[in-house]
Amino acid sequence: MGPLGALLGLIAGIFLPVPIAGPLVGAFGGAVLAEHLATGKKGKEALRAGTGAVVGTILGTMAEFIIALVMAAIIVLALLT
């Protein structure tokens, strides 16, 4: 249930007034809340789910950014040759 909570929290976090931190806070809160409510996990176990959601979101965003840079470099090189 943690990933579903993280996804819903991430979507809800988009509407928070803090542009970058909003989705991260939403993903963390959603994962922690879903783990706590659905499985009854408390404390460190629920926080691990939230931490994993934030780390996964950050790493996924970094991977997308790197792929976009590679694609842009390929296009620029193709146009220059």
Protein backbone atom coordinates (compact mmCIF):
# COMPACT_ATOMS: atom_id res chain seq x y z
CA MET A 1 0.00 0.00 0.00
CA GLY A 2 3.00 2.30 0.44
CA PRO A 3 3.60 2.85 -3.29
CA LEU A 4 -0.05 3.69 -3.88
CA GLY A 5 -0.01 6.14 -0.97
CA ALA A 6 3.20 7.67 -2.28
CA LEU A 7 1.66 8.11 -5.74
CA LEU A 8 -1.47 9.74 -4.35
CA GLY A 9 0.62 11.93 -2.06
CA LEU A 10 2.87 12.91 -4.95
CA ILE A 11 -0.12 13.98 -7.02
CA ALA A 12 -1.61 15.89 -4.08
CA GLY A 13 1.79 17.48 -3.39
CA ILE A 14 1.81 19.05 -6.83
CA PHE A 15 -0.87 21.44 -5.62
CA LEU A 16 1.07 22.57 -2.54
CA PRO A 17 2.42 26.12 -2.80
CA VAL A 18 6.05 24.94 -2.46
CA PRO A 19 7.06 23.99 -6.03
CA ILE A 20 9.86 21.46 -5.57
CA ALA A 21 9.33 20.27 -2.00
CA GLY A 22 5.56 19.84 -2.38
CA PRO A 23 5.64 16.58 -4.33
CA LEU A 24 8.41 15.21 -2.12
CA VAL A 25 6.52 16.02 1.06
CA GLY A 26 3.35 14.61 -0.48
CA ALA A 27 5.06 11.37 -1.50
CA PHE A 28 6.62 10.97 1.93
CA GLY A 29 3.40 11.70 3.79
CA GLY A 30 1.31 9.52 1.50
CA ALA A 31 3.61 6.54 1.85
CA VAL A 32 3.87 6.86 5.63
CA LEU A 33 0.12 7.31 6.02
CA ALA A 34 -0.73 4.42 3.69
CA GLU A 35 1.70 2.07 5.44
CA HIS A 36 0.34 3.04 8.82
CA LEU A 37 -3.34 2.79 7.91
CA ALA A 38 -3.23 -0.23 5.60
CA THR A 39 -0.71 -2.46 7.34
CA GLY A 40 -0.62 -1.07 10.85
CA LYS A 41 3.11 -0.40 10.67
CA LYS A 42 4.27 2.22 13.10
CA GLY A 43 7.33 4.33 13.74
CA LYS A 44 10.49 3.35 11.90
CA GLU A 45 8.79 0.88 9.57
CA ALA A 46 6.35 3.45 8.25
CA LEU A 47 9.08 6.08 8.01
CA ARG A 48 11.21 3.70 5.94
CA ALA A 49 8.42 3.53 3.37
CA GLY A 50 8.27 7.33 3.23
CA THR A 51 12.02 7.63 2.92
CA GLY A 52 12.04 5.08 0.13
CA ALA A 53 9.35 7.02 -1.71
CA VAL A 54 11.34 10.25 -1.52
CA VAL A 55 14.62 8.61 -2.55
CA GLY A 56 12.88 6.84 -5.44
CA THR A 57 11.27 10.08 -6.59
CA ILE A 58 14.57 11.96 -6.50
CA LEU A 59 16.52 9.22 -8.29
CA GLY A 60 13.79 8.83 -10.92
CA THR A 61 13.80 12.56 -11.59
CA MET A 62 17.59 12.58 -11.88
CA ALA A 63 17.47 9.68 -14.34
CA GLU A 64 14.88 11.49 -16.47
CA PHE A 65 17.04 14.63 -16.47
CA ILE A 66 20.15 12.72 -17.54
CA ILE A 67 18.24 10.96 -20.32
CA ALA A 68 16.89 14.31 -21.52
CA LEU A 69 20.43 15.73 -21.62
CA VAL A 70 21.66 12.75 -23.64
CA MET A 71 18.77 13.12 -26.07
CA ALA A 72 19.45 16.84 -26.45
CA ALA A 73 23.14 16.16 -27.07
CA ILE A 74 22.28 13.59 -29.75
CA ILE A 75 19.98 16.06 -31.50
CA VAL A 76 22.55 18.86 -31.38
CA LEU A 77 25.26 16.57 -32.74
CA ALA A 78 22.94 15.38 -35.50
CA LEU A 79 22.15 18.95 -36.49
CA LEU A 80 25.81 19.97 -36.52
CA THR A 81 26.99 17.11 -38.71
